[in-house]
Protein backbone atom coordinates (compact mmCIF):
# COMPACT_ATOMS: atom_id res chain seq x y z
CA MET A 1 -8.69 -31.70 0.51
CA THR A 2 -9.06 -29.55 3.73
CA LEU A 3 -9.38 -25.71 3.29
CA GLN A 4 -5.82 -25.30 4.47
CA GLN A 5 -4.37 -27.70 1.76
CA MET A 6 -6.48 -26.03 -0.97
CA VAL A 7 -5.69 -22.37 -0.07
CA THR A 8 -1.94 -23.42 0.37
CA GLU A 9 -1.96 -25.03 -3.12
CA TRP A 10 -3.63 -21.70 -4.69
CA ARG A 11 -0.93 -19.69 -2.81
CA HIS A 12 2.04 -21.83 -3.86
CA HIS A 13 0.85 -21.66 -7.43
CA LEU A 14 0.45 -17.79 -7.50
CA HIS A 15 3.71 -17.50 -5.90
CA GLN A 16 5.57 -19.44 -8.67
CA TYR A 17 4.03 -17.36 -11.38
CA PRO A 18 4.48 -13.61 -10.13
CA GLU A 19 3.40 -10.82 -12.48
CA PHE A 20 4.25 -6.99 -12.01
CA GLY A 21 1.57 -4.40 -11.70
CA THR A 22 -0.70 -3.95 -14.81
CA GLU A 23 0.73 -7.18 -16.23
CA GLU A 24 -1.24 -9.79 -13.74
CA PHE A 25 -3.13 -11.28 -16.93
CA LYS A 26 -2.44 -15.10 -15.70
CA THR A 27 -3.00 -14.13 -12.15
CA ALA A 28 -6.40 -12.39 -12.93
CA ALA A 29 -7.45 -15.27 -15.06
CA PHE A 30 -6.74 -17.62 -12.19
CA VAL A 31 -8.61 -15.63 -10.06
CA ALA A 32 -11.72 -15.10 -12.32
CA ASN A 33 -11.85 -18.96 -13.09
CA LYS A 34 -11.69 -19.92 -9.32
CA LEU A 35 -14.58 -17.31 -8.61
CA GLN A 36 -16.47 -18.65 -11.39
CA GLU A 37 -16.23 -22.18 -10.15
CA PHE A 38 -17.36 -21.04 -6.80
CA GLY A 39 -20.60 -19.78 -8.58
CA LEU A 40 -19.84 -16.14 -8.36
CA GLU A 41 -20.76 -13.31 -10.73
CA VAL A 42 -17.46 -12.34 -12.00
CA HIS A 43 -16.23 -9.14 -13.94
CA THR A 44 -12.73 -8.73 -15.25
CA GLY A 45 -10.56 -5.87 -16.90
CA ILE A 46 -11.70 -3.60 -14.07
CA GLY A 47 -9.00 -0.63 -14.01
CA GLY A 48 -6.88 -2.95 -16.26
CA THR A 49 -6.34 -6.36 -14.77
CA GLY A 50 -8.67 -5.93 -11.77
CA VAL A 51 -11.21 -8.66 -11.05
CA VAL A 52 -14.54 -8.09 -9.10
CA GLY A 53 -16.48 -11.25 -7.98
CA ILE A 54 -20.01 -10.83 -6.70
CA LEU A 55 -21.89 -13.18 -4.26
CA LYS A 56 -25.58 -12.60 -3.38
CA ASN A 57 -27.63 -14.24 -0.72
CA GLY A 58 -30.92 -13.45 0.88
CA THR A 59 -33.08 -10.32 0.36
CA SER A 60 -30.96 -7.73 2.20
CA LYS A 61 -29.70 -4.69 0.31
CA CYS A 62 -26.62 -4.34 2.62
CA SER A 63 -23.36 -4.95 0.98
CA ILE A 64 -19.52 -5.12 1.95
CA GLY A 65 -16.49 -4.96 -0.13
CA LEU A 66 -13.30 -6.98 0.42
CA ARG A 67 -10.04 -6.19 -1.32
CA ALA A 68 -6.96 -8.30 -1.99
CA ASP A 69 -3.90 -7.16 -4.07
CA MET A 70 -2.50 -9.33 -6.80
CA ASP A 71 0.96 -7.79 -8.11
CA ALA A 72 4.51 -8.90 -7.48
CA LEU A 73 7.93 -6.90 -7.24
CA ARG A 74 10.85 -6.63 -9.33
CA ILE A 75 13.17 -8.59 -7.03
CA HIS A 76 14.90 -11.93 -7.91
CA GLU A 77 13.85 -14.41 -5.35
CA GLU A 78 16.75 -16.43 -3.48
CA ASN A 79 14.36 -18.77 -1.85
CA THR A 80 14.89 -22.43 -2.99
CA PHE A 81 11.85 -24.18 -1.77
CA CYS A 82 9.76 -25.94 -4.49
CA HIS A 83 7.24 -23.25 -5.03
CA ALA A 84 9.71 -20.51 -5.63
CA SER A 85 9.33 -17.89 -8.40
CA LYS A 86 9.64 -19.31 -11.98
CA HIS A 87 9.85 -15.99 -13.43
CA GLN A 88 13.37 -14.39 -13.50
CA GLY A 89 13.74 -10.99 -11.59
CA ALA A 90 10.33 -11.26 -10.20
CA MET A 91 8.71 -12.58 -6.92
CA HIS A 92 5.99 -12.13 -4.59
CA ALA A 93 7.98 -10.38 -1.93
CA CYS A 94 5.24 -8.69 -0.09
CA GLY A 95 2.77 -11.47 0.33
CA HIS A 96 0.10 -10.58 -2.19
CA ASP A 97 -0.04 -14.03 -3.25
CA GLY A 98 -1.27 -14.97 0.23
CA HIS A 99 -3.64 -11.96 0.25
CA THR A 100 -5.10 -13.30 -3.16
CA ALA A 101 -5.32 -16.83 -1.81
CA MET A 102 -7.07 -16.00 1.55
CA LEU A 103 -9.62 -13.82 -0.23
CA LEU A 104 -10.40 -16.65 -2.67
CA GLY A 105 -10.51 -18.96 0.33
CA ALA A 106 -13.28 -16.57 1.88
CA ALA A 107 -15.23 -16.76 -1.56
CA TYR A 108 -15.27 -20.43 -1.43
CA GLU A 109 -16.43 -20.60 2.11
CA LEU A 110 -19.22 -18.16 1.82
CA ALA A 111 -20.28 -19.42 -1.48
CA ASN A 112 -20.71 -22.94 0.15
CA SER A 113 -22.24 -21.77 3.48
CA LYS A 114 -24.50 -19.00 2.30
CA SER A 115 -24.36 -17.76 6.00
CA PHE A 116 -25.08 -14.09 5.40
CA ASP A 117 -27.89 -11.90 3.91
CA GLY A 118 -26.66 -9.25 1.46
CA THR A 119 -24.05 -8.91 -1.23
CA VAL A 120 -20.32 -9.52 -0.88
CA TYR A 121 -17.92 -7.92 -3.34
CA PHE A 122 -14.70 -9.66 -3.80
CA ILE A 123 -12.10 -7.15 -5.01
CA PHE A 124 -8.80 -8.38 -6.56
CA GLN A 125 -6.64 -5.11 -7.26
CA PRO A 126 -3.62 -4.78 -9.51
CA ASP A 127 -0.63 -2.49 -9.15
CA GLU A 128 -0.42 -1.82 -5.49
CA GLU A 129 3.22 -1.30 -5.27
CA ARG A 130 3.37 1.53 -7.63
CA GLY A 131 -0.02 3.04 -6.10
CA THR A 132 -1.94 3.13 -9.29
CA GLY A 133 -4.09 -0.01 -9.05
CA ALA A 134 -6.70 1.38 -6.57
CA LYS A 135 -6.94 4.68 -8.60
CA ALA A 136 -7.33 2.65 -11.84
CA MET A 137 -10.25 0.59 -10.50
CA ILE A 138 -11.94 3.67 -8.80
CA ALA A 139 -11.80 5.48 -12.34
CA ASP A 140 -13.19 2.45 -13.96
CA GLY A 141 -16.44 2.77 -11.77
CA LEU A 142 -15.62 0.45 -8.89
CA PHE A 143 -17.77 2.30 -6.56
CA THR A 144 -20.30 3.74 -9.22
CA ARG A 145 -21.15 0.38 -10.75
CA TRP A 146 -21.39 -1.26 -7.39
CA HIS A 147 -22.59 0.09 -4.36
CA MET A 148 -20.60 -0.96 -1.05
CA ASP A 149 -21.69 0.14 2.47
CA ALA A 150 -18.18 -0.45 3.59
CA ILE A 151 -14.70 -1.72 2.33
CA TYR A 152 -11.92 -3.68 4.14
CA ALA A 153 -8.31 -4.68 3.21
CA MET A 154 -5.84 -7.00 4.93
CA HIS A 155 -2.00 -7.32 4.66
CA ASN A 156 0.42 -9.51 6.35
CA LEU A 157 3.22 -8.04 8.28
CA PRO A 158 6.60 -9.98 9.59
CA GLY A 159 7.66 -9.02 13.02
CA ILE A 160 3.99 -9.38 14.57
CA ALA A 161 3.44 -12.88 15.87
CA GLU A 162 1.74 -15.44 13.66
CA GLY A 163 -2.11 -14.88 13.32
CA GLN A 164 -2.25 -11.78 15.51
CA PHE A 165 -4.26 -8.83 14.09
CA VAL A 166 -3.45 -5.16 14.61
CA THR A 167 -5.15 -2.04 13.42
CA ARG A 168 -6.41 1.28 14.79
CA PRO A 169 -9.18 3.91 13.88
CA ARG A 170 -8.15 6.89 12.04
CA SER A 171 -4.56 7.29 10.54
CA LEU A 172 -3.00 3.72 10.33
CA MET A 173 -0.26 4.33 7.69
CA ALA A 174 1.34 7.15 6.12
CA SER A 175 1.06 8.90 2.79
CA GLU A 176 4.06 8.77 0.54
CA SER A 177 5.20 11.42 -1.68
CA SER A 178 8.36 12.30 -3.63
CA PHE A 179 9.76 15.72 -4.54
CA GLU A 180 12.35 16.96 -7.11
CA ILE A 181 14.27 20.17 -6.97
CA VAL A 182 16.36 21.55 -9.86
CA ILE A 183 18.34 24.76 -8.97
CA LYS A 184 19.68 26.34 -12.26
CA ALA A 185 22.53 28.79 -11.84
CA THR A 186 25.39 29.85 -14.27
CA GLY A 187 28.28 28.02 -12.76
CA GLY A 188 31.87 28.76 -13.62
CA HIS A 189 35.39 28.04 -12.93
CA ALA A 190 36.38 26.96 -9.31
CA ALA A 191 38.95 29.54 -9.24
CA MET A 192 36.56 32.47 -9.98
CA PRO A 193 33.19 31.84 -8.21
CA HIS A 194 32.46 35.33 -8.30
CA MET A 195 32.08 35.34 -12.19
CA GLY A 196 28.94 33.22 -11.90
CA THR A 197 26.35 31.74 -9.58
CA ASP A 198 26.89 28.54 -7.41
CA PRO A 199 23.83 26.23 -7.05
CA ILE A 200 25.79 23.94 -4.63
CA VAL A 201 25.77 26.49 -1.90
CA VAL A 202 21.91 27.14 -2.57
CA GLY A 203 21.09 23.60 -2.65
CA ALA A 204 23.14 23.05 0.79
CA GLN A 205 21.10 25.82 2.40
CA VAL A 206 17.90 24.36 0.77
CA VAL A 207 18.60 20.77 2.41
CA THR A 208 19.11 22.49 5.77
CA ALA A 209 16.17 24.56 5.64
CA LEU A 210 13.94 21.53 4.58
CA GLN A 211 14.56 20.23 7.94
CA THR A 212 12.79 23.11 9.72
CA ILE A 213 9.59 22.38 7.93
CA VAL A 214 8.44 19.56 10.41
CA SER A 215 9.87 21.06 13.45
CA ARG A 216 8.60 24.67 12.80
CA HIS A 217 5.61 24.30 10.36
CA LEU A 218 3.81 21.40 11.56
CA SER A 219 2.10 20.45 14.71
CA ALA A 220 4.27 18.09 16.95
CA ILE A 221 1.09 16.62 18.35
CA ASP A 222 -1.36 16.38 15.30
CA GLU A 223 0.98 16.41 12.10
CA THR A 224 3.81 14.05 12.61
CA ALA A 225 5.81 13.85 9.23
CA VAL A 226 9.14 12.92 7.84
CA ILE A 227 10.93 14.81 5.08
CA SER A 228 14.16 13.01 3.98
CA VAL A 229 16.48 14.27 1.28
CA THR A 230 17.81 11.14 -0.56
CA ASN A 231 19.85 12.45 -3.31
CA PHE A 232 22.09 15.49 -4.48
CA VAL A 233 23.43 15.50 -7.87
CA THR A 234 25.35 18.18 -9.80
CA ASN A 235 26.77 18.54 -13.43
CA GLY A 236 30.06 19.81 -12.16
CA THR A 237 33.41 18.48 -11.88
CA VAL A 238 36.62 18.91 -9.62
CA ASN A 239 37.40 22.49 -10.84
CA VAL A 240 33.98 23.35 -12.17
CA ILE A 241 31.40 25.06 -10.42
CA PRO A 242 27.99 23.11 -11.77
CA SER A 243 25.23 24.93 -13.35
CA GLN A 244 22.75 22.65 -12.15
CA VAL A 245 21.73 20.77 -8.81
CA THR A 246 19.09 18.23 -8.63
CA ILE A 247 17.87 17.36 -5.24
CA THR A 248 15.34 14.64 -4.54
CA GLY A 249 13.69 13.22 -1.66
CA ASP A 250 10.75 11.62 0.12
CA THR A 251 7.96 12.41 2.63
CA ARG A 252 5.56 10.87 5.06
CA SER A 253 2.72 12.19 6.80
CA PHE A 254 -0.49 10.88 8.45
CA THR A 255 -3.05 13.55 7.49
CA ASP A 256 -4.03 15.21 4.12
CA GLN A 257 -3.63 18.61 6.13
CA ALA A 258 -0.15 17.92 6.74
CA LEU A 259 0.45 16.40 3.20
CA HIS A 260 -0.63 19.80 1.70
CA LYS A 261 1.26 21.81 4.13
CA ILE A 262 4.38 19.92 3.23
CA GLU A 263 4.00 20.42 -0.31
CA LYS A 264 3.55 24.21 0.03
CA ALA A 265 6.52 24.59 2.43
CA ILE A 266 8.97 22.90 0.32
CA GLU A 267 8.44 25.16 -2.54
CA ARG A 268 8.58 28.25 -0.17
CA VAL A 269 11.68 27.28 1.22
CA VAL A 270 13.27 26.60 -2.22
CA ALA A 271 11.78 29.82 -3.68
CA GLY A 272 13.30 31.92 -0.92
CA GLN A 273 16.65 30.59 -0.98
CA CYS A 274 16.90 30.74 -4.88
CA MET A 275 15.51 34.29 -4.75
CA SER A 276 18.16 35.46 -2.35
CA ALA A 277 20.88 33.85 -4.50
CA GLY A 278 19.62 35.05 -7.80
CA VAL A 279 19.24 31.59 -9.28
CA ASP A 280 16.12 29.92 -10.87
CA TYR A 281 14.44 26.58 -9.98
CA GLN A 282 12.09 24.02 -10.95
CA TYR A 283 9.85 22.08 -8.27
CA ARG A 284 7.92 18.92 -8.69
CA PHE A 285 5.89 17.18 -6.02
CA ASN A 286 4.24 13.83 -6.75
CA ASN A 287 1.88 12.03 -4.11
CA SER A 288 1.88 8.26 -4.64
CA PHE A 289 -0.16 7.23 -1.76
CA LEU A 290 -2.52 8.97 0.64
CA SER A 291 -2.34 8.34 4.25
CA THR A 292 -4.60 5.28 5.27
CA ILE A 293 -7.33 6.55 7.42
CA ASN A 294 -9.70 3.93 8.95
CA THR A 295 -13.17 4.98 9.93
CA PRO A 296 -13.92 4.30 13.54
CA GLU A 297 -17.09 2.23 13.33
CA GLU A 298 -15.63 -0.05 10.67
CA THR A 299 -12.33 -0.52 12.81
CA ALA A 300 -14.66 -1.64 15.60
CA HIS A 301 -16.18 -4.18 13.33
CA ALA A 302 -12.98 -5.30 12.18
CA ILE A 303 -11.70 -5.81 15.80
CA LYS A 304 -14.84 -7.59 16.66
CA ALA A 305 -14.39 -10.28 13.64
CA ALA A 306 -10.76 -10.74 14.43
CA GLU A 307 -11.43 -11.42 18.15
CA SER A 308 -13.89 -13.97 17.03
CA VAL A 309 -11.26 -15.64 14.98
CA VAL A 310 -8.02 -15.51 17.24
CA GLY A 311 -9.28 -14.36 20.47
CA ALA A 312 -9.28 -10.82 22.20
CA GLU A 313 -5.69 -11.51 23.62
CA ASN A 314 -4.35 -11.70 19.90
CA VAL A 315 -5.87 -8.45 18.70
CA ASN A 316 -4.53 -4.91 19.09
CA GLY A 317 -7.17 -2.39 18.20
CA SER A 318 -4.95 0.60 19.07
CA CYS A 319 -1.56 -0.22 17.53
CA GLU A 320 0.98 2.52 16.92
CA ARG A 321 0.86 4.20 13.41
CA PHE A 322 3.18 2.76 10.52
CA THR A 323 5.26 4.99 8.34
CA ILE A 324 4.53 2.50 5.44
CA SER A 325 2.11 3.31 2.75
CA GLU A 326 -0.73 1.59 0.80
CA ASP A 327 -2.89 2.61 -2.07
CA PHE A 328 -6.02 1.27 -0.39
CA SER A 329 -5.90 4.66 1.02
CA PHE A 330 -7.64 5.76 -2.21
CA MET A 331 -10.44 3.47 -1.54
CA LEU A 332 -10.97 4.68 1.84
CA ARG A 333 -11.47 8.41 0.42
CA GLU A 334 -14.31 6.93 -1.53
CA VAL A 335 -16.20 4.50 0.84
CA LYS A 336 -15.90 4.24 4.69
CA GLY A 337 -13.58 1.17 5.93
CA CYS A 338 -10.84 -0.34 7.68
CA TYR A 339 -7.52 -1.79 6.87
CA VAL A 340 -6.06 -4.51 9.19
CA LEU A 341 -2.60 -6.06 9.44
CA VAL A 342 -2.13 -9.87 10.45
CA GLY A 343 0.98 -11.10 11.83
CA ASN A 344 3.32 -13.16 9.52
CA GLY A 345 5.47 -14.37 12.39
CA VAL A 346 8.69 -13.59 14.27
CA GLY A 347 12.02 -15.15 13.60
CA GLU A 348 12.75 -17.95 11.14
CA CYS A 349 8.92 -18.69 10.37
CA GLY A 350 7.51 -15.52 8.68
CA GLY A 351 9.83 -13.09 10.41
CA THR A 352 11.71 -12.14 7.04
CA ALA A 353 11.00 -8.59 6.14
CA LEU A 354 8.70 -7.56 3.29
CA HIS A 355 10.38 -6.64 -0.07
CA ASN A 356 13.24 -9.00 0.74
CA PRO A 357 14.60 -11.88 -1.63
CA LEU A 358 14.16 -14.40 0.95
CA TYR A 359 10.84 -13.47 2.26
CA ASP A 360 7.74 -15.88 1.87
CA PHE A 361 4.24 -15.59 3.17
CA ASN A 362 3.51 -17.84 6.03
CA ASP A 363 1.07 -20.53 4.93
CA ASN A 364 0.14 -21.06 8.62
CA ILE A 365 -2.02 -17.74 8.68
CA LEU A 366 -3.88 -18.40 5.74
CA THR A 367 -6.94 -19.98 7.49
CA HIS A 368 -6.73 -17.00 9.97
CA GLY A 369 -7.21 -14.67 7.01
CA VAL A 370 -9.86 -16.75 5.49
CA GLY A 371 -11.64 -16.88 9.01
CA PHE A 372 -11.42 -13.25 9.40
CA TRP A 373 -13.10 -12.51 6.20
CA LYS A 374 -15.72 -14.93 6.60
CA VAL A 375 -16.63 -13.91 10.23
CA LEU A 376 -16.63 -10.09 9.18
CA VAL A 377 -19.13 -10.87 6.34
CA GLU A 378 -21.39 -12.92 8.70
CA GLN A 379 -21.39 -10.30 11.48
CA GLN A 380 -22.09 -7.19 9.11
CA LEU A 381 -24.38 -9.09 6.80
CA SER A 382 -26.04 -11.33 9.30
CA ALA A 383 -28.83 -13.57 8.17
């Protein structure tokens, strides 16, 4: 069986049996069994269902970490091919089955070739989609139990040509945070608004004022960001002024500095509007993902490895930033490293968007991913 056939078989198996974040028990067992077959030292239950495979060769103390995500999404698959999901309401709509298969393929290749000097850590992470898996593995000692000089991760991206690689130094992807603002007033009869306080008027002013944060409080050059109000709910009815308004929304930014400014500025806006109207408020701000910030030296290493696999003409090392988010960002706060994106394809073959019920990982790029991991290790841990 060729490498392509073997990795495709693994990928199709994983695609048929998707598991949600923190529930990747069978997926983790499949991964652990494969790693043991390849002769790696295997640790399971890291951060819940995480798996770490360790491969050592030679005498060097240098080390590298390679990370793949394992969790699926709560989406009912609409594909009808033979490897479609067998689990109702669950599917690998983000390609984590492909990421896992590629990293397994790299473990297999490196275990057989022993073409490096040092230690490779193969990290299979749970629950990336909700942003808890990386933090859970870190809290469980991922970087204190094992030393890694650098760490890398890869994700497929539809809309980029099959097998092309893109990345950039420093900020690559945005942070993601949500906020909830509850405005509490007295409400009253719609015919007698002077007899109470009206949270709808205050809420409308808050929504408008929030749009000034990006344009007037953040640098247009260094602190690009988005603040979106996504829901506005009251407890009123046609002839009743409500006593409560709940406003929720989403923010994206590319630096920690901008993230902290946004969190404080939203409350400042809300507090000012509510104080002037004489109403109370509650404010909650939750950060799910930090911005994904690549270190320049490791980005250069990733670009070099990708160029060795697919050619310099197929690698963009200074791509535009993406407003999508990734919890690998938390690992990059602990260890220097780089996150890269590999093209899943354009059009019918690989071009269907992520998180879509008709998405499928493009099997044609599996060996590109395996090759990237293998070359990256060989270049960084040269024998």
